[in-house]
Amino acid sequence: MAIRLPRIVNSKKVPKGYFAVYVGENQKRFLIPVWFLNHPLFQDLLGMSQEEFGYSHPTGGLTIPCNENTFLKVTSRMY
């Protein structure tokens, strides 16, 4: 089974079944499958985001307050 990491996309379009999150100091944009929302590891990331930003995110999108490497390590465990 191949591991598919979140996709980095420059386009503003988000394909059906995905949503965009912004990660790290440079606010790199990743497209995440919507089923991640039910995963306990991703829910922990959402909790961190809520503690840091509340419900007002600086980019206008969902911002995850961790570095990119940590984000990739966590999300790679969800598959």
PDB file of N, CA and C in Angstrom:
ATOM      1  N   MET A   1       0.841  -1.174   0.000  1.00  0.00           N
ATOM      2  CA  MET A   1       0.000   0.000   0.000  1.00  0.00           C
ATOM      3  C   MET A   1       0.886   1.237   0.000  1.00  0.00           C
ATOM      4  N   ALA A   2       0.650   2.131  -0.918  1.00  0.00           N
ATOM      5  CA  ALA A   2       1.426   3.366  -1.020  1.00  0.00           C
ATOM      6  C   ALA A   2       0.870   4.407  -0.057  1.00  0.00           C
ATOM      7  N   ILE A   3       1.751   5.205   0.497  1.00  0.00           N
ATOM      8  CA  ILE A   3       1.351   6.297   1.379  1.00  0.00           C
ATOM      9  C   ILE A   3       1.195   7.547   0.538  1.00  0.00           C
ATOM     10  N   ARG A   4       0.024   8.154   0.608  1.00  0.00           N
ATOM     11  CA  ARG A   4      -0.220   9.401  -0.115  1.00  0.00           C
ATOM     12  C   ARG A   4      -0.230  10.536   0.884  1.00  0.00           C
ATOM     13  N   LEU A   5       0.723  11.424   0.747  1.00  0.00           N
ATOM     14  CA  LEU A   5       0.797  12.582   1.636  1.00  0.00           C
ATOM     15  C   LEU A   5      -0.119  13.678   1.129  1.00  0.00           C
ATOM     16  N   PRO A   6      -0.452  14.631   1.997  1.00  0.00           N
ATOM     17  CA  PRO A   6      -1.261  15.766   1.545  1.00  0.00           C
ATOM     18  C   PRO A   6      -0.610  16.446   0.346  1.00  0.00           C
ATOM     19  N   ARG A   7      -1.432  16.954  -0.535  1.00  0.00           N
ATOM     20  CA  ARG A   7      -0.932  17.580  -1.746  1.00  0.00           C
ATOM     21  C   ARG A   7      -0.693  19.065  -1.531  1.00  0.00           C
ATOM     22  N   ILE A   8       0.404  19.537  -2.107  1.00  0.00           N
ATOM     23  CA  ILE A   8       0.700  20.966  -2.104  1.00  0.00           C
ATOM     24  C   ILE A   8       0.235  21.486  -3.456  1.00  0.00           C
ATOM     25  N   VAL A   9      -0.649  22.468  -3.430  1.00  0.00           N
ATOM     26  CA  VAL A   9      -1.234  22.950  -4.672  1.00  0.00           C
ATOM     27  C   VAL A   9      -1.213  24.471  -4.692  1.00  0.00           C
ATOM     28  N   ASN A  10      -0.789  25.024  -5.798  1.00  0.00           N
ATOM     29  CA  ASN A  10      -0.767  26.477  -5.942  1.00  0.00           C
ATOM     30  C   ASN A  10      -2.098  27.024  -6.451  1.00  0.00           C
ATOM     31  N   SER A  11      -2.879  26.191  -7.100  1.00  0.00           N
ATOM     32  CA  SER A  11      -4.155  26.618  -7.638  1.00  0.00           C
ATOM     33  C   SER A  11      -5.131  26.958  -6.518  1.00  0.00           C
ATOM     34  N   LYS A  12      -6.016  27.890  -6.762  1.00  0.00           N
ATOM     35  CA  LYS A  12      -7.037  28.260  -5.781  1.00  0.00           C
ATOM     36  C   LYS A  12      -8.183  27.249  -5.766  1.00  0.00           C
ATOM     37  N   LYS A  13      -8.299  26.413  -6.799  1.00  0.00           N
ATOM     38  CA  LYS A  13      -9.377  25.442  -6.867  1.00  0.00           C
ATOM     39  C   LYS A  13      -9.094  24.284  -5.912  1.00  0.00           C
ATOM     40  N   VAL A  14     -10.140  23.830  -5.258  1.00  0.00           N
ATOM     41  CA  VAL A  14     -10.034  22.685  -4.362  1.00  0.00           C
ATOM     42  C   VAL A  14     -10.928  21.584  -4.927  1.00  0.00           C
ATOM     43  N   PRO A  15     -10.345  20.419  -5.253  1.00  0.00           N
ATOM     44  CA  PRO A  15     -11.160  19.342  -5.813  1.00  0.00           C
ATOM     45  C   PRO A  15     -12.194  18.821  -4.812  1.00  0.00           C
ATOM     46  N   LYS A  16     -13.237  18.259  -5.329  1.00  0.00           N
ATOM     47  CA  LYS A  16     -14.281  17.671  -4.496  1.00  0.00           C
ATOM     48  C   LYS A  16     -13.647  16.615  -3.591  1.00  0.00           C
ATOM     49  N   GLY A  17     -14.035  16.634  -2.326  1.00  0.00           N
ATOM     50  CA  GLY A  17     -13.517  15.659  -1.374  1.00  0.00           C
ATOM     51  C   GLY A  17     -12.273  16.121  -0.633  1.00  0.00           C
ATOM     52  N   TYR A  18     -11.837  17.356  -0.865  1.00  0.00           N
ATOM     53  CA  TYR A  18     -10.650  17.918  -0.220  1.00  0.00           C
ATOM     54  C   TYR A  18     -10.985  19.281   0.373  1.00  0.00           C
ATOM     55  N   PHE A  19     -10.111  19.741   1.276  1.00  0.00           N
ATOM     56  CA  PHE A  19     -10.180  21.114   1.750  1.00  0.00           C
ATOM     57  C   PHE A  19      -8.752  21.606   1.961  1.00  0.00           C
ATOM     58  N   ALA A  20      -8.589  22.916   1.959  1.00  0.00           N
ATOM     59  CA  ALA A  20      -7.258  23.510   2.065  1.00  0.00           C
ATOM     60  C   ALA A  20      -6.939  23.865   3.510  1.00  0.00           C
ATOM     61  N   VAL A  21      -5.673  23.628   3.890  1.00  0.00           N
ATOM     62  CA  VAL A  21      -5.156  24.085   5.178  1.00  0.00           C
ATOM     63  C   VAL A  21      -3.827  24.777   4.913  1.00  0.00           C
ATOM     64  N   TYR A  22      -3.451  25.665   5.822  1.00  0.00           N
ATOM     65  CA  TYR A  22      -2.197  26.398   5.713  1.00  0.00           C
ATOM     66  C   TYR A  22      -1.328  26.010   6.901  1.00  0.00           C
ATOM     67  N   VAL A  23      -0.062  25.688   6.606  1.00  0.00           N
ATOM     68  CA  VAL A  23       0.817  25.109   7.625  1.00  0.00           C
ATOM     69  C   VAL A  23       2.169  25.807   7.633  1.00  0.00           C
ATOM     70  N   GLY A  24       2.711  25.998   8.830  1.00  0.00           N
ATOM     71  CA  GLY A  24       4.081  26.495   8.985  1.00  0.00           C
ATOM     72  C   GLY A  24       4.197  27.999   8.892  1.00  0.00           C
ATOM     73  N   GLU A  25       5.437  28.459   9.101  1.00  0.00           N
ATOM     74  CA  GLU A  25       5.713  29.900   9.074  1.00  0.00           C
ATOM     75  C   GLU A  25       5.410  30.522   7.726  1.00  0.00           C
ATOM     76  N   ASN A  26       5.644  29.763   6.650  1.00  0.00           N
ATOM     77  CA  ASN A  26       5.420  30.295   5.308  1.00  0.00           C
ATOM     78  C   ASN A  26       3.999  30.070   4.808  1.00  0.00           C
ATOM     79  N   GLN A  27       3.140  29.509   5.684  1.00  0.00           N
ATOM     80  CA  GLN A  27       1.738  29.268   5.346  1.00  0.00           C
ATOM     81  C   GLN A  27       1.600  28.478   4.048  1.00  0.00           C
ATOM     82  N   LYS A  28       2.336  27.362   3.950  1.00  0.00           N
ATOM     83  CA  LYS A  28       2.237  26.506   2.775  1.00  0.00           C
ATOM     84  C   LYS A  28       0.849  25.886   2.739  1.00  0.00           C
ATOM     85  N   ARG A  29       0.246  25.884   1.573  1.00  0.00           N
ATOM     86  CA  ARG A  29      -1.123  25.398   1.398  1.00  0.00           C
ATOM     87  C   ARG A  29      -1.105  23.917   1.024  1.00  0.00           C
ATOM     88  N   PHE A  30      -1.859  23.117   1.776  1.00  0.00           N
ATOM     89  CA  PHE A  30      -2.000  21.695   1.516  1.00  0.00           C
ATOM     90  C   PHE A  30      -3.470  21.386   1.274  1.00  0.00           C
ATOM     91  N   LEU A  31      -3.737  20.427   0.404  1.00  0.00           N
ATOM     92  CA  LEU A  31      -5.091  19.934   0.215  1.00  0.00           C
ATOM     93  C   LEU A  31      -5.212  18.613   0.955  1.00  0.00           C
ATOM     94  N   ILE A  32      -6.211  18.539   1.816  1.00  0.00           N
ATOM     95  CA  ILE A  32      -6.404  17.428   2.723  1.00  0.00           C
ATOM     96  C   ILE A  32      -7.720  16.731   2.391  1.00  0.00           C
ATOM     97  N   PRO A  33      -7.741  15.394   2.360  1.00  0.00           N
ATOM     98  CA  PRO A  33      -9.022  14.704   2.149  1.00  0.00           C
ATOM     99  C   PRO A  33      -9.978  14.985   3.314  1.00  0.00           C
ATOM    100  N   VAL A  34     -11.251  15.157   3.012  1.00  0.00           N
ATOM    101  CA  VAL A  34     -12.217  15.497   4.063  1.00  0.00           C
ATOM    102  C   VAL A  34     -12.333  14.408   5.122  1.00  0.00           C
ATOM    103  N   TRP A  35     -12.032  13.171   4.786  1.00  0.00           N
ATOM    104  CA  TRP A  35     -12.150  12.113   5.791  1.00  0.00           C
ATOM    105  C   TRP A  35     -11.147  12.291   6.928  1.00  0.00           C
ATOM    106  N   PHE A  36     -10.105  13.109   6.730  1.00  0.00           N
ATOM    107  CA  PHE A  36      -9.161  13.413   7.818  1.00  0.00           C
ATOM    108  C   PHE A  36      -9.886  14.044   9.012  1.00  0.00           C
ATOM    109  N   LEU A  37     -10.987  14.734   8.753  1.00  0.00           N
ATOM    110  CA  LEU A  37     -11.705  15.428   9.825  1.00  0.00           C
ATOM    111  C   LEU A  37     -12.168  14.480  10.927  1.00  0.00           C
ATOM    112  N   ASN A  38     -12.382  13.230  10.601  1.00  0.00           N
ATOM    113  CA  ASN A  38     -12.828  12.243  11.589  1.00  0.00           C
ATOM    114  C   ASN A  38     -11.678  11.523  12.280  1.00  0.00           C
ATOM    115  N   HIS A  39     -10.458  11.727  11.840  1.00  0.00           N
ATOM    116  CA  HIS A  39      -9.316  11.014  12.402  1.00  0.00           C
ATOM    117  C   HIS A  39      -8.851  11.695  13.695  1.00  0.00           C
ATOM    118  N   PRO A  40      -8.616  10.911  14.768  1.00  0.00           N
ATOM    119  CA  PRO A  40      -8.200  11.507  16.050  1.00  0.00           C
ATOM    120  C   PRO A  40      -6.913  12.332  15.963  1.00  0.00           C
ATOM    121  N   LEU A  41      -5.944  11.931  15.153  1.00  0.00           N
ATOM    122  CA  LEU A  41      -4.706  12.715  15.028  1.00  0.00           C
ATOM    123  C   LEU A  41      -4.987  14.082  14.416  1.00  0.00           C
ATOM    124  N   PHE A  42      -5.846  14.127  13.402  1.00  0.00           N
ATOM    125  CA  PHE A  42      -6.167  15.410  12.782  1.00  0.00           C
ATOM    126  C   PHE A  42      -7.022  16.257  13.716  1.00  0.00           C
ATOM    127  N   GLN A  43      -7.874  15.619  14.494  1.00  0.00           N
ATOM    128  CA  GLN A  43      -8.670  16.362  15.459  1.00  0.00           C
ATOM    129  C   GLN A  43      -7.773  17.020  16.505  1.00  0.00           C
ATOM    130  N   ASP A  44      -6.655  16.368  16.850  1.00  0.00           N
ATOM    131  CA  ASP A  44      -5.680  17.002  17.746  1.00  0.00           C
ATOM    132  C   ASP A  44      -5.090  18.257  17.109  1.00  0.00           C
ATOM    133  N   LEU A  45      -4.775  18.185  15.802  1.00  0.00           N
ATOM    134  CA  LEU A  45      -4.255  19.362  15.096  1.00  0.00           C
ATOM    135  C   LEU A  45      -5.304  20.475  15.074  1.00  0.00           C
ATOM    136  N   LEU A  46      -6.554  20.106  14.867  1.00  0.00           N
ATOM    137  CA  LEU A  46      -7.629  21.111  14.872  1.00  0.00           C
ATOM    138  C   LEU A  46      -7.755  21.762  16.248  1.00  0.00           C
ATOM    139  N   GLY A  47      -7.575  20.973  17.297  1.00  0.00           N
ATOM    140  CA  GLY A  47      -7.614  21.525  18.651  1.00  0.00           C
ATOM    141  C   GLY A  47      -6.500  22.524  18.876  1.00  0.00           C
ATOM    142  N   MET A  48      -5.296  22.213  18.369  1.00  0.00           N
ATOM    143  CA  MET A  48      -4.172  23.148  18.468  1.00  0.00           C
ATOM    144  C   MET A  48      -4.493  24.445  17.731  1.00  0.00           C
ATOM    145  N   SER A  49      -5.103  24.302  16.567  1.00  0.00           N
ATOM    146  CA  SER A  49      -5.461  25.464  15.762  1.00  0.00           C
ATOM    147  C   SER A  49      -6.485  26.326  16.493  1.00  0.00           C
ATOM    148  N   GLN A  50      -7.477  25.698  17.104  1.00  0.00           N
ATOM    149  CA  GLN A  50      -8.507  26.440  17.826  1.00  0.00           C
ATOM    150  C   GLN A  50      -7.913  27.161  19.029  1.00  0.00           C
ATOM    151  N   GLU A  51      -6.974  26.508  19.740  1.00  0.00           N
ATOM    152  CA  GLU A  51      -6.332  27.162  20.884  1.00  0.00           C
ATOM    153  C   GLU A  51      -5.507  28.373  20.456  1.00  0.00           C
ATOM    154  N   GLU A  52      -4.815  28.243  19.331  1.00  0.00           N
ATOM    155  CA  GLU A  52      -3.926  29.310  18.860  1.00  0.00           C
ATOM    156  C   GLU A  52      -4.689  30.464  18.227  1.00  0.00           C
ATOM    157  N   PHE A  53      -5.669  30.146  17.381  1.00  0.00           N
ATOM    158  CA  PHE A  53      -6.318  31.176  16.573  1.00  0.00           C
ATOM    159  C   PHE A  53      -7.793  31.394  16.893  1.00  0.00           C
ATOM    160  N   GLY A  54      -8.379  30.531  17.690  1.00  0.00           N
ATOM    161  CA  GLY A  54      -9.820  30.603  17.887  1.00  0.00           C
ATOM    162  C   GLY A  54     -10.503  30.241  16.578  1.00  0.00           C
ATOM    163  N   TYR A  55     -11.504  30.989  16.215  1.00  0.00           N
ATOM    164  CA  TYR A  55     -12.195  30.710  14.959  1.00  0.00           C
ATOM    165  C   TYR A  55     -11.918  31.779  13.915  1.00  0.00           C
ATOM    166  N   SER A  56     -10.892  32.580  14.147  1.00  0.00           N
ATOM    167  CA  SER A  56     -10.494  33.615  13.205  1.00  0.00           C
ATOM    168  C   SER A  56      -9.071  33.307  12.742  1.00  0.00           C
ATOM    169  N   HIS A  57      -8.947  32.824  11.526  1.00  0.00           N
ATOM    170  CA  HIS A  57      -7.641  32.432  11.002  1.00  0.00           C
ATOM    171  C   HIS A  57      -7.070  33.533  10.120  1.00  0.00           C
ATOM    172  N   PRO A  58      -5.770  33.829  10.285  1.00  0.00           N
ATOM    173  CA  PRO A  58      -5.159  34.957   9.574  1.00  0.00           C
ATOM    174  C   PRO A  58      -5.201  34.847   8.056  1.00  0.00           C
ATOM    175  N   THR A  59      -5.202  33.636   7.513  1.00  0.00           N
ATOM    176  CA  THR A  59      -5.191  33.476   6.060  1.00  0.00           C
ATOM    177  C   THR A  59      -6.593  33.460   5.472  1.00  0.00           C
ATOM    178  N   GLY A  60      -7.597  33.431   6.336  1.00  0.00           N
ATOM    179  CA  GLY A  60      -8.957  33.295   5.849  1.00  0.00           C
ATOM    180  C   GLY A  60      -9.331  31.830   5.690  1.00  0.00           C
ATOM    181  N   GLY A  61      -8.336  30.949   5.750  1.00  0.00           N
ATOM    182  CA  GLY A  61      -8.548  29.510   5.689  1.00  0.00           C
ATOM    183  C   GLY A  61      -8.071  28.881   6.983  1.00  0.00           C
ATOM    184  N   LEU A  62      -8.196  27.600   7.085  1.00  0.00           N
ATOM    185  CA  LEU A  62      -7.786  26.881   8.281  1.00  0.00           C
ATOM    186  C   LEU A  62      -6.261  26.848   8.378  1.00  0.00           C
ATOM    187  N   THR A  63      -5.721  27.352   9.487  1.00  0.00           N
ATOM    188  CA  THR A  63      -4.279  27.399   9.717  1.00  0.00           C
ATOM    189  C   THR A  63      -3.920  26.399  10.805  1.00  0.00           C
ATOM    190  N   ILE A  64      -2.944  25.538  10.518  1.00  0.00           N
ATOM    191  CA  ILE A  64      -2.473  24.553  11.485  1.00  0.00           C
ATOM    192  C   ILE A  64      -1.163  25.074  12.067  1.00  0.00           C
ATOM    193  N   PRO A  65      -1.089  25.296  13.391  1.00  0.00           N
ATOM    194  CA  PRO A  65       0.083  25.918  14.005  1.00  0.00           C
ATOM    195  C   PRO A  65       1.194  24.921  14.354  1.00  0.00           C
ATOM    196  N   CYS A  66       1.780  24.330  13.337  1.00  0.00           N
ATOM    197  CA  CYS A  66       2.958  23.483  13.545  1.00  0.00           C
ATOM    198  C   CYS A  66       3.833  23.614  12.309  1.00  0.00           C
ATOM    199  N   ASN A  67       5.070  23.121  12.388  1.00  0.00           N
ATOM    200  CA  ASN A  67       5.922  23.225  11.209  1.00  0.00           C
ATOM    201  C   ASN A  67       5.520  22.167  10.181  1.00  0.00           C
ATOM    202  N   GLU A  68       5.971  22.361   8.965  1.00  0.00           N
ATOM    203  CA  GLU A  68       5.561  21.493   7.859  1.00  0.00           C
ATOM    204  C   GLU A  68       5.986  20.042   8.072  1.00  0.00           C
ATOM    205  N   ASN A  69       7.198  19.825   8.600  1.00  0.00           N
ATOM    206  CA  ASN A  69       7.676  18.454   8.812  1.00  0.00           C
ATOM    207  C   ASN A  69       6.796  17.713   9.820  1.00  0.00           C
ATOM    208  N   THR A  70       6.431  18.375  10.900  1.00  0.00           N
ATOM    209  CA  THR A  70       5.556  17.757  11.892  1.00  0.00           C
ATOM    210  C   THR A  70       4.206  17.437  11.276  1.00  0.00           C
ATOM    211  N   PHE A  71       3.669  18.366  10.516  1.00  0.00           N
ATOM    212  CA  PHE A  71       2.378  18.153   9.858  1.00  0.00           C
ATOM    213  C   PHE A  71       2.434  16.939   8.935  1.00  0.00           C
ATOM    214  N   LEU A  72       3.479  16.830   8.147  1.00  0.00           N
ATOM    215  CA  LEU A  72       3.614  15.706   7.227  1.00  0.00           C
ATOM    216  C   LEU A  72       3.772  14.383   7.972  1.00  0.00           C
ATOM    217  N   LYS A  73       4.521  14.385   9.074  1.00  0.00           N
ATOM    218  CA  LYS A  73       4.681  13.171   9.873  1.00  0.00           C
ATOM    219  C   LYS A  73       3.337  12.725  10.450  1.00  0.00           C
ATOM    220  N   VAL A  74       2.587  13.677  10.997  1.00  0.00           N
ATOM    221  CA  VAL A  74       1.289  13.343  11.601  1.00  0.00           C
ATOM    222  C   VAL A  74       0.326  12.835  10.534  1.00  0.00           C
ATOM    223  N   THR A  75       0.216  13.545   9.433  1.00  0.00           N
ATOM    224  CA  THR A  75      -0.763  13.145   8.416  1.00  0.00           C
ATOM    225  C   THR A  75      -0.362  11.854   7.710  1.00  0.00           C
ATOM    226  N   SER A  76       0.916  11.539   7.647  1.00  0.00           N
ATOM    227  CA  SER A  76       1.326  10.279   7.017  1.00  0.00           C
ATOM    228  C   SER A  76       0.887   9.081   7.857  1.00  0.00           C
ATOM    229  N   ARG A  77       0.633   9.283   9.133  1.00  0.00           N
ATOM    230  CA  ARG A  77       0.167   8.197  10.017  1.00  0.00           C
ATOM    231  C   ARG A  77      -1.330   7.936   9.889  1.00  0.00           C
ATOM    232  N   MET A  78      -2.030   8.770   9.148  1.00  0.00           N
ATOM    233  CA  MET A  78      -3.479   8.639   9.056  1.00  0.00           C
ATOM    234  C   MET A  78      -3.927   7.672   7.979  1.00  0.00           C
ATOM    235  N   TYR A  79      -3.042   7.239   7.118  1.00  0.00           N
ATOM    236  CA  TYR A  79      -3.448   6.356   6.016  1.00  0.00           C
ATOM    237  C   TYR A  79      -3.424   4.912   6.408  1.00  0.00           C
TER     238      TYR A  79
END
